[in-house]
Amino acid sequence: IIALFFNYMLQPFDVNPQEQKMHYFWICYIHSSTPILVLLCTALLCRLFPKATDDWKIKNECILVFFLVLFTGIGQFLIRDLIYNNPMNWSWRYFIEEISNSFIAGVFIAPIILSINLNRQQTKNSQKADRISSSITDVKETQNSTLITIETEVKSEKFDFEIHSFIYAKAEGNYAEIFLKKEEKVQKLIKRIPIKNLEIQLSAFPFIIKTHRSVLLNLNYIEKVTGNAQGYKVQLKECPDTVPVSRNFIQSFETATSSR
């Protein structure tokens, strides 16, 4: 809608009415619709490769918009024959011109879309985070004294701990940093074990879930949940650290917290 208004009302680019195969409004409509197709194709790729969007930052959003504008310009070039009667439609001149025009329009439109999208994500995630925080206020920590033994990549380095003492773990390359509650302190263990392997060995405990491709969290240690444009941040009981909930794990996190 923004692009349609920009093209039709402001008419920022020179056009030759004699070349037009249809009314100018429909030309603007087609030009403005091209980014939708590009965006849908991009969304499909993101669903096929979810890890690509797991650590999503504003920088990634800007890079994505750059390529969306670039491919939109290429798309505008490819549809020229549908819109204009011009024997030079397939020339390098118009290829460069369509891409340039897309970036000129993008300079004005992209910041508006980025701002709207980030504010929408921020508001949505903050509201959901507040609901999650209020729902876990009365949850009591499960005093499960089960002693569990964790097998590492090196058999001689296996270790054990009581499951209720597990706060969270995060991946550091081929190692995992495991944070445990020991009396009134937090103990950090560094073990040679991939986070996926640790996840499998803790899968019997439904209160331990994955919130990020590199993080496992004990739900019993959630103090508060806050939202941002990238997902959630979890503040922990008796631990100064915060744990991320990335976009790809929001739904499973919400399901896990709502079912408790």
C-alpha atoms as a PDB file:
ATOM      1  CA  ILE A   1       0.000   0.000   0.000  1.00  0.00           C
ATOM      2  CA  ILE A   2       2.849   2.359   0.877  1.00  0.00           C
ATOM      3  CA  ALA A   3       4.606   1.569  -2.403  1.00  0.00           C
ATOM      4  CA  LEU A   4       1.377   2.028  -4.389  1.00  0.00           C
ATOM      5  CA  PHE A   5       0.777   5.420  -2.803  1.00  0.00           C
ATOM      6  CA  PHE A   6       4.432   6.377  -3.381  1.00  0.00           C
ATOM      7  CA  ASN A   7       4.327   5.430  -7.082  1.00  0.00           C
ATOM      8  CA  TYR A   8       0.857   6.652  -7.989  1.00  0.00           C
ATOM      9  CA  MET A   9       0.485   9.857  -5.979  1.00  0.00           C
ATOM     10  CA  LEU A  10       4.075  11.141  -6.007  1.00  0.00           C
ATOM     11  CA  GLN A  11       5.014   9.794  -9.464  1.00  0.00           C
ATOM     12  CA  PRO A  12       8.754   9.867  -8.639  1.00  0.00           C
ATOM     13  CA  PHE A  13       9.915   8.314 -11.937  1.00  0.00           C
ATOM     14  CA  ASP A  14       9.645   9.640 -15.483  1.00  0.00           C
ATOM     15  CA  VAL A  15       7.279   7.630 -17.682  1.00  0.00           C
ATOM     16  CA  ASN A  16       6.332   7.798 -21.333  1.00  0.00           C
ATOM     17  CA  PRO A  17       2.532   7.417 -21.640  1.00  0.00           C
ATOM     18  CA  GLN A  18       2.872   6.252 -25.257  1.00  0.00           C
ATOM     19  CA  GLU A  19       4.781   3.153 -24.106  1.00  0.00           C
ATOM     20  CA  GLN A  20       2.197   2.124 -21.527  1.00  0.00           C
ATOM     21  CA  LYS A  21       0.063  -0.928 -22.301  1.00  0.00           C
ATOM     22  CA  MET A  22      -2.470  -0.104 -19.540  1.00  0.00           C
ATOM     23  CA  HIS A  23      -3.680   2.688 -17.267  1.00  0.00           C
ATOM     24  CA  TYR A  24      -0.960   4.206 -15.057  1.00  0.00           C
ATOM     25  CA  PHE A  25      -2.735   3.105 -11.865  1.00  0.00           C
ATOM     26  CA  TRP A  26      -2.479  -0.573 -12.853  1.00  0.00           C
ATOM     27  CA  ILE A  27       1.170  -0.125 -13.781  1.00  0.00           C
ATOM     28  CA  CYS A  28       1.772   1.246 -10.280  1.00  0.00           C
ATOM     29  CA  TYR A  29      -0.255  -1.619  -8.829  1.00  0.00           C
ATOM     30  CA  ILE A  30       1.871  -4.230 -10.623  1.00  0.00           C
ATOM     31  CA  HIS A  31       5.116  -2.512  -9.631  1.00  0.00           C
ATOM     32  CA  SER A  32       3.940  -2.300  -6.011  1.00  0.00           C
ATOM     33  CA  SER A  33       2.856  -5.957  -5.954  1.00  0.00           C
ATOM     34  CA  THR A  34       6.192  -7.336  -7.146  1.00  0.00           C
ATOM     35  CA  PRO A  35       7.811  -7.079  -3.666  1.00  0.00           C
ATOM     36  CA  ILE A  36       5.004  -9.256  -2.255  1.00  0.00           C
ATOM     37  CA  LEU A  37       5.995 -12.158  -4.491  1.00  0.00           C
ATOM     38  CA  VAL A  38       9.662 -11.630  -3.582  1.00  0.00           C
ATOM     39  CA  LEU A  39       8.767 -11.547   0.106  1.00  0.00           C
ATOM     40  CA  LEU A  40       6.693 -14.741  -0.131  1.00  0.00           C
ATOM     41  CA  CYS A  41       9.597 -16.564  -1.800  1.00  0.00           C
ATOM     42  CA  THR A  42      11.920 -15.300   0.927  1.00  0.00           C
ATOM     43  CA  ALA A  43       9.503 -16.453   3.637  1.00  0.00           C
ATOM     44  CA  LEU A  44       9.425 -19.921   2.064  1.00  0.00           C
ATOM     45  CA  LEU A  45      13.238 -20.079   2.148  1.00  0.00           C
ATOM     46  CA  CYS A  46      13.215 -19.005   5.810  1.00  0.00           C
ATOM     47  CA  ARG A  47      10.818 -21.834   6.636  1.00  0.00           C
ATOM     48  CA  LEU A  48      13.011 -24.334   4.792  1.00  0.00           C
ATOM     49  CA  PHE A  49      16.122 -23.104   6.643  1.00  0.00           C
ATOM     50  CA  PRO A  50      14.886 -22.053  10.114  1.00  0.00           C
ATOM     51  CA  LYS A  51      18.385 -21.808  11.623  1.00  0.00           C
ATOM     52  CA  ALA A  52      19.053 -18.842   9.351  1.00  0.00           C
ATOM     53  CA  THR A  53      16.552 -16.737  11.324  1.00  0.00           C
ATOM     54  CA  ASP A  54      17.309 -18.055  14.798  1.00  0.00           C
ATOM     55  CA  ASP A  55      19.724 -15.298  15.871  1.00  0.00           C
ATOM     56  CA  TRP A  56      17.809 -12.522  14.148  1.00  0.00           C
ATOM     57  CA  LYS A  57      19.033  -9.000  14.781  1.00  0.00           C
ATOM     58  CA  ILE A  58      18.229  -5.581  13.308  1.00  0.00           C
ATOM     59  CA  LYS A  59      21.379  -5.944  11.192  1.00  0.00           C
ATOM     60  CA  ASN A  60      19.929  -9.120   9.649  1.00  0.00           C
ATOM     61  CA  GLU A  61      16.667  -7.277   9.008  1.00  0.00           C
ATOM     62  CA  CYS A  62      18.514  -4.516   7.124  1.00  0.00           C
ATOM     63  CA  ILE A  63      20.467  -7.068   5.054  1.00  0.00           C
ATOM     64  CA  LEU A  64      17.213  -8.861   4.251  1.00  0.00           C
ATOM     65  CA  VAL A  65      15.583  -5.614   3.105  1.00  0.00           C
ATOM     66  CA  PHE A  66      18.606  -4.866   0.900  1.00  0.00           C
ATOM     67  CA  PHE A  67      18.203  -8.167  -0.932  1.00  0.00           C
ATOM     68  CA  LEU A  68      14.420  -7.793  -1.087  1.00  0.00           C
ATOM     69  CA  VAL A  69      14.878  -4.449  -2.835  1.00  0.00           C
ATOM     70  CA  LEU A  70      17.555  -5.889  -5.138  1.00  0.00           C
ATOM     71  CA  PHE A  71      15.397  -8.842  -6.214  1.00  0.00           C
ATOM     72  CA  THR A  72      12.387  -6.542  -6.505  1.00  0.00           C
ATOM     73  CA  GLY A  73      14.382  -4.456  -9.006  1.00  0.00           C
ATOM     74  CA  ILE A  74      15.250  -7.600 -10.956  1.00  0.00           C
ATOM     75  CA  GLY A  75      11.575  -8.580 -10.887  1.00  0.00           C
ATOM     76  CA  GLN A  76      10.547  -5.156 -12.168  1.00  0.00           C
ATOM     77  CA  PHE A  77      12.925  -5.618 -15.085  1.00  0.00           C
ATOM     78  CA  LEU A  78      11.547  -9.074 -15.919  1.00  0.00           C
ATOM     79  CA  ILE A  79       7.949  -7.823 -16.140  1.00  0.00           C
ATOM     80  CA  ARG A  80       8.664  -4.805 -18.348  1.00  0.00           C
ATOM     81  CA  ASP A  81       7.287  -6.551 -21.454  1.00  0.00           C
ATOM     82  CA  LEU A  82       3.919  -6.931 -19.676  1.00  0.00           C
ATOM     83  CA  ILE A  83       3.689  -3.197 -19.032  1.00  0.00           C
ATOM     84  CA  TYR A  84       5.582  -1.277 -21.693  1.00  0.00           C
ATOM     85  CA  ASN A  85       5.848  -1.316 -25.465  1.00  0.00           C
ATOM     86  CA  ASN A  86       9.544  -0.653 -25.801  1.00  0.00           C
ATOM     87  CA  PRO A  87      11.992  -2.609 -27.994  1.00  0.00           C
ATOM     88  CA  MET A  88      14.736  -1.861 -25.437  1.00  0.00           C
ATOM     89  CA  ASN A  89      12.940  -3.566 -22.532  1.00  0.00           C
ATOM     90  CA  TRP A  90      15.622  -6.279 -22.278  1.00  0.00           C
ATOM     91  CA  SER A  91      18.588  -3.925 -22.438  1.00  0.00           C
ATOM     92  CA  TRP A  92      21.222  -3.438 -19.732  1.00  0.00           C
ATOM     93  CA  ARG A  93      20.115   0.177 -19.506  1.00  0.00           C
ATOM     94  CA  TYR A  94      16.665  -0.765 -18.241  1.00  0.00           C
ATOM     95  CA  PHE A  95      18.065  -3.565 -16.059  1.00  0.00           C
ATOM     96  CA  ILE A  96      20.210  -1.029 -14.188  1.00  0.00           C
ATOM     97  CA  GLU A  97      17.427   1.560 -14.246  1.00  0.00           C
ATOM     98  CA  GLU A  98      14.836  -0.752 -12.666  1.00  0.00           C
ATOM     99  CA  ILE A  99      17.244  -1.786  -9.907  1.00  0.00           C
ATOM    100  CA  SER A 100      18.218   1.847  -9.307  1.00  0.00           C
ATOM    101  CA  ASN A 101      14.566   2.910  -9.157  1.00  0.00           C
ATOM    102  CA  SER A 102      13.845   0.131  -6.646  1.00  0.00           C
ATOM    103  CA  PHE A 103      16.637   1.351  -4.387  1.00  0.00           C
ATOM    104  CA  ILE A 104      15.500   4.966  -4.720  1.00  0.00           C
ATOM    105  CA  ALA A 105      12.011   3.932  -3.646  1.00  0.00           C
ATOM    106  CA  GLY A 106      13.496   1.636  -0.983  1.00  0.00           C
ATOM    107  CA  VAL A 107      15.369   4.531   0.646  1.00  0.00           C
ATOM    108  CA  PHE A 108      11.999   6.122   1.450  1.00  0.00           C
ATOM    109  CA  ILE A 109       9.863   3.035   1.991  1.00  0.00           C
ATOM    110  CA  ALA A 110      12.172   0.526   3.738  1.00  0.00           C
ATOM    111  CA  PRO A 111      12.742   2.595   6.940  1.00  0.00           C
ATOM    112  CA  ILE A 112       8.973   2.969   7.343  1.00  0.00           C
ATOM    113  CA  ILE A 113       8.398  -0.776   6.910  1.00  0.00           C
ATOM    114  CA  LEU A 114      11.323  -1.666   9.199  1.00  0.00           C
ATOM    115  CA  SER A 115      10.036   0.667  11.907  1.00  0.00           C
ATOM    116  CA  ILE A 116       6.469  -0.639  11.651  1.00  0.00           C
ATOM    117  CA  ASN A 117       7.612  -4.255  11.698  1.00  0.00           C
ATOM    118  CA  LEU A 118      10.012  -3.854  14.632  1.00  0.00           C
ATOM    119  CA  ASN A 119       7.416  -1.953  16.671  1.00  0.00           C
ATOM    120  CA  ARG A 120       4.810  -4.596  15.867  1.00  0.00           C
ATOM    121  CA  GLN A 121       7.134  -7.406  16.948  1.00  0.00           C
ATOM    122  CA  GLN A 122       8.163  -5.486  20.078  1.00  0.00           C
ATOM    123  CA  THR A 123       4.560  -4.818  21.101  1.00  0.00           C
ATOM    124  CA  LYS A 124       3.357  -8.348  20.345  1.00  0.00           C
ATOM    125  CA  ASN A 125       6.226 -10.065  22.170  1.00  0.00           C
ATOM    126  CA  SER A 126       6.033  -7.678  25.142  1.00  0.00           C
ATOM    127  CA  GLN A 127       2.318  -8.356  25.582  1.00  0.00           C
ATOM    128  CA  LYS A 128       2.824 -12.102  25.360  1.00  0.00           C
ATOM    129  CA  ALA A 129       5.790 -11.923  27.735  1.00  0.00           C
ATOM    130  CA  ASP A 130       3.682 -10.085  30.324  1.00  0.00           C
ATOM    131  CA  ARG A 131       1.010 -12.792  30.119  1.00  0.00           C
ATOM    132  CA  ILE A 132       3.625 -15.537  30.495  1.00  0.00           C
ATOM    133  CA  SER A 133       5.206 -13.770  33.482  1.00  0.00           C
ATOM    134  CA  SER A 134       1.860 -13.436  35.242  1.00  0.00           C
ATOM    135  CA  SER A 135       1.013 -17.089  34.595  1.00  0.00           C
ATOM    136  CA  ILE A 136       4.243 -18.382  36.157  1.00  0.00           C
ATOM    137  CA  THR A 137       4.117 -16.218  39.266  1.00  0.00           C
ATOM    138  CA  ASP A 138       2.565 -18.948  41.385  1.00  0.00           C
ATOM    139  CA  VAL A 139       4.481 -21.873  39.900  1.00  0.00           C
ATOM    140  CA  LYS A 140       6.426 -23.707  42.578  1.00  0.00           C
ATOM    141  CA  GLU A 141       9.820 -25.155  41.879  1.00  0.00           C
ATOM    142  CA  THR A 142       9.713 -28.907  41.444  1.00  0.00           C
ATOM    143  CA  GLN A 143      11.786 -30.410  44.229  1.00  0.00           C
ATOM    144  CA  ASN A 144      12.891 -33.441  42.265  1.00  0.00           C
ATOM    145  CA  SER A 145      16.015 -34.937  43.822  1.00  0.00           C
ATOM    146  CA  THR A 146      16.638 -37.344  40.961  1.00  0.00           C
ATOM    147  CA  LEU A 147      20.332 -37.825  40.398  1.00  0.00           C
ATOM    148  CA  ILE A 148      21.150 -37.980  36.699  1.00  0.00           C
ATOM    149  CA  THR A 149      24.403 -39.077  35.080  1.00  0.00           C
ATOM    150  CA  ILE A 150      25.467 -37.309  31.894  1.00  0.00           C
ATOM    151  CA  GLU A 151      27.641 -39.144  29.386  1.00  0.00           C
ATOM    152  CA  THR A 152      30.117 -36.869  27.610  1.00  0.00           C
ATOM    153  CA  GLU A 153      32.165 -37.309  24.448  1.00  0.00           C
ATOM    154  CA  VAL A 154      34.904 -38.766  26.660  1.00  0.00           C
ATOM    155  CA  LYS A 155      33.549 -41.596  28.814  1.00  0.00           C
ATOM    156  CA  SER A 156      35.976 -40.904  31.641  1.00  0.00           C
ATOM    157  CA  GLU A 157      34.570 -37.364  31.966  1.00  0.00           C
ATOM    158  CA  LYS A 158      30.964 -38.306  32.670  1.00  0.00           C
ATOM    159  CA  PHE A 159      29.401 -36.394  35.548  1.00  0.00           C
ATOM    160  CA  ASP A 160      26.180 -36.263  37.547  1.00  0.00           C
ATOM    161  CA  PHE A 161      23.952 -33.765  39.309  1.00  0.00           C
ATOM    162  CA  GLU A 162      20.517 -33.566  40.912  1.00  0.00           C
ATOM    163  CA  ILE A 163      18.055 -32.536  38.259  1.00  0.00           C
ATOM    164  CA  HIS A 164      16.384 -29.840  40.392  1.00  0.00           C
ATOM    165  CA  SER A 165      19.743 -28.030  40.628  1.00  0.00           C
ATOM    166  CA  PHE A 166      19.960 -27.577  36.838  1.00  0.00           C
ATOM    167  CA  ILE A 167      19.281 -23.939  35.893  1.00  0.00           C
ATOM    168  CA  TYR A 168      20.308 -23.739  32.257  1.00  0.00           C
ATOM    169  CA  ALA A 169      23.013 -24.713  29.774  1.00  0.00           C
ATOM    170  CA  LYS A 170      24.420 -23.015  26.720  1.00  0.00           C
ATOM    171  CA  ALA A 171      26.621 -24.227  23.896  1.00  0.00           C
ATOM    172  CA  GLU A 172      30.186 -23.028  23.443  1.00  0.00           C
ATOM    173  CA  GLY A 173      31.417 -24.806  20.330  1.00  0.00           C
ATOM    174  CA  ASN A 174      31.790 -28.517  21.138  1.00  0.00           C
ATOM    175  CA  TYR A 175      31.471 -27.736  24.832  1.00  0.00           C
ATOM    176  CA  ALA A 176      28.514 -26.910  27.042  1.00  0.00           C
ATOM    177  CA  GLU A 177      28.452 -24.493  29.945  1.00  0.00           C
ATOM    178  CA  ILE A 178      26.104 -25.947  32.551  1.00  0.00           C
ATOM    179  CA  PHE A 179      24.828 -23.774  35.381  1.00  0.00           C
ATOM    180  CA  LEU A 180      23.739 -25.497  38.596  1.00  0.00           C
ATOM    181  CA  LYS A 181      22.328 -24.223  41.868  1.00  0.00           C
ATOM    182  CA  LYS A 182      24.585 -25.282  44.726  1.00  0.00           C
ATOM    183  CA  GLU A 183      23.214 -24.130  48.069  1.00  0.00           C
ATOM    184  CA  GLU A 184      23.090 -20.317  47.702  1.00  0.00           C
ATOM    185  CA  LYS A 185      25.516 -20.092  44.795  1.00  0.00           C
ATOM    186  CA  VAL A 186      25.524 -20.808  41.067  1.00  0.00           C
ATOM    187  CA  GLN A 187      28.115 -23.312  39.906  1.00  0.00           C
ATOM    188  CA  LYS A 188      29.291 -23.389  36.299  1.00  0.00           C
ATOM    189  CA  LEU A 189      30.526 -26.606  34.740  1.00  0.00           C
ATOM    190  CA  ILE A 190      32.263 -26.702  31.361  1.00  0.00           C
ATOM    191  CA  LYS A 191      31.950 -30.123  29.768  1.00  0.00           C
ATOM    192  CA  ARG A 192      32.868 -31.552  26.393  1.00  0.00           C
ATOM    193  CA  ILE A 193      29.367 -32.354  25.186  1.00  0.00           C
ATOM    194  CA  PRO A 194      27.307 -30.875  22.327  1.00  0.00           C
ATOM    195  CA  ILE A 195      24.133 -29.161  23.465  1.00  0.00           C
ATOM    196  CA  LYS A 196      22.083 -31.548  21.293  1.00  0.00           C
ATOM    197  CA  ASN A 197      23.534 -34.538  23.155  1.00  0.00           C
ATOM    198  CA  LEU A 198      22.761 -32.917  26.486  1.00  0.00           C
ATOM    199  CA  GLU A 199      19.217 -32.173  25.326  1.00  0.00           C
ATOM    200  CA  ILE A 200      18.655 -35.839  24.462  1.00  0.00           C
ATOM    201  CA  GLN A 201      19.889 -36.998  27.861  1.00  0.00           C
ATOM    202  CA  LEU A 202      17.582 -34.515  29.635  1.00  0.00           C
ATOM    203  CA  SER A 203      14.557 -35.218  27.429  1.00  0.00           C
ATOM    204  CA  ALA A 204      12.850 -37.248  30.168  1.00  0.00           C
ATOM    205  CA  PHE A 205      12.255 -34.043  32.129  1.00  0.00           C
ATOM    206  CA  PRO A 206       9.490 -31.949  30.495  1.00  0.00           C
ATOM    207  CA  PHE A 207      10.384 -28.841  32.520  1.00  0.00           C
ATOM    208  CA  ILE A 208      13.724 -28.617  30.679  1.00  0.00           C
ATOM    209  CA  ILE A 209      13.209 -27.162  27.210  1.00  0.00           C
ATOM    210  CA  LYS A 210      15.175 -25.615  24.386  1.00  0.00           C
ATOM    211  CA  THR A 211      14.684 -21.852  24.019  1.00  0.00           C
ATOM    212  CA  HIS A 212      17.416 -21.261  21.454  1.00  0.00           C
ATOM    213  CA  ARG A 213      19.477 -23.557  19.260  1.00  0.00           C
ATOM    214  CA  SER A 214      22.288 -23.219  21.806  1.00  0.00           C
ATOM    215  CA  VAL A 215      20.342 -22.975  25.090  1.00  0.00           C
ATOM    216  CA  LEU A 216      18.500 -25.403  27.405  1.00  0.00           C
ATOM    217  CA  LEU A 217      16.430 -23.949  30.253  1.00  0.00           C
ATOM    218  CA  ASN A 218      14.782 -25.294  33.405  1.00  0.00           C
ATOM    219  CA  LEU A 219      11.314 -23.697  33.469  1.00  0.00           C
ATOM    220  CA  ASN A 220      11.267 -23.842  37.265  1.00  0.00           C
ATOM    221  CA  TYR A 221      13.901 -21.114  37.391  1.00  0.00           C
ATOM    222  CA  ILE A 222      11.995 -18.523  35.378  1.00  0.00           C
ATOM    223  CA  GLU A 223      11.651 -15.297  37.341  1.00  0.00           C
ATOM    224  CA  LYS A 224      10.306 -12.990  34.648  1.00  0.00           C
ATOM    225  CA  VAL A 225       9.857 -12.871  30.873  1.00  0.00           C
ATOM    226  CA  THR A 226      10.285  -9.705  28.819  1.00  0.00           C
ATOM    227  CA  GLY A 227       9.706  -9.244  25.104  1.00  0.00           C
ATOM    228  CA  ASN A 228      11.667  -7.572  22.337  1.00  0.00           C
ATOM    229  CA  ALA A 229      11.583  -7.519  18.533  1.00  0.00           C
ATOM    230  CA  GLN A 230      13.699 -10.696  18.332  1.00  0.00           C
ATOM    231  CA  GLY A 231      11.739 -12.828  20.825  1.00  0.00           C
ATOM    232  CA  TYR A 232      11.865 -13.038  24.626  1.00  0.00           C
ATOM    233  CA  LYS A 233      14.433 -12.553  27.358  1.00  0.00           C
ATOM    234  CA  VAL A 234      14.085 -14.751  30.441  1.00  0.00           C
ATOM    235  CA  GLN A 235      15.314 -13.522  33.807  1.00  0.00           C
ATOM    236  CA  LEU A 236      16.238 -16.368  36.128  1.00  0.00           C
ATOM    237  CA  LYS A 237      15.734 -16.995  39.832  1.00  0.00           C
ATOM    238  CA  GLU A 238      18.900 -16.977  41.904  1.00  0.00           C
ATOM    239  CA  CYS A 239      21.001 -16.402  38.786  1.00  0.00           C
ATOM    240  CA  PRO A 240      22.016 -13.016  37.333  1.00  0.00           C
ATOM    241  CA  ASP A 241      22.040 -14.285  33.742  1.00  0.00           C
ATOM    242  CA  THR A 242      19.293 -13.801  31.171  1.00  0.00           C
ATOM    243  CA  VAL A 243      18.389 -16.471  28.632  1.00  0.00           C
ATOM    244  CA  PRO A 244      17.076 -15.730  25.104  1.00  0.00           C
ATOM    245  CA  VAL A 245      14.007 -17.268  23.538  1.00  0.00           C
ATOM    246  CA  SER A 246      14.586 -16.928  19.805  1.00  0.00           C
ATOM    247  CA  ARG A 247      11.889 -16.601  17.149  1.00  0.00           C
ATOM    248  CA  ASN A 248      11.963 -20.243  16.155  1.00  0.00           C
ATOM    249  CA  PHE A 249      11.322 -21.413  19.737  1.00  0.00           C
ATOM    250  CA  ILE A 250       8.648 -18.897  20.782  1.00  0.00           C
ATOM    251  CA  GLN A 251       5.741 -21.246  20.076  1.00  0.00           C
ATOM    252  CA  SER A 252       7.230 -24.237  21.932  1.00  0.00           C
ATOM    253  CA  PHE A 253       8.184 -21.960  24.842  1.00  0.00           C
ATOM    254  CA  GLU A 254       4.647 -20.574  25.076  1.00  0.00           C
ATOM    255  CA  THR A 255       3.176 -24.073  24.932  1.00  0.00           C
ATOM    256  CA  ALA A 256       5.521 -25.328  27.654  1.00  0.00           C
ATOM    257  CA  THR A 257       4.812 -22.423  30.008  1.00  0.00           C
ATOM    258  CA  SER A 258       1.043 -22.460  29.454  1.00  0.00           C
ATOM    259  CA  SER A 259       0.767 -26.183  30.197  1.00  0.00           C
ATOM    260  CA  ARG A 260       2.369 -25.917  33.630  1.00  0.00           C
END
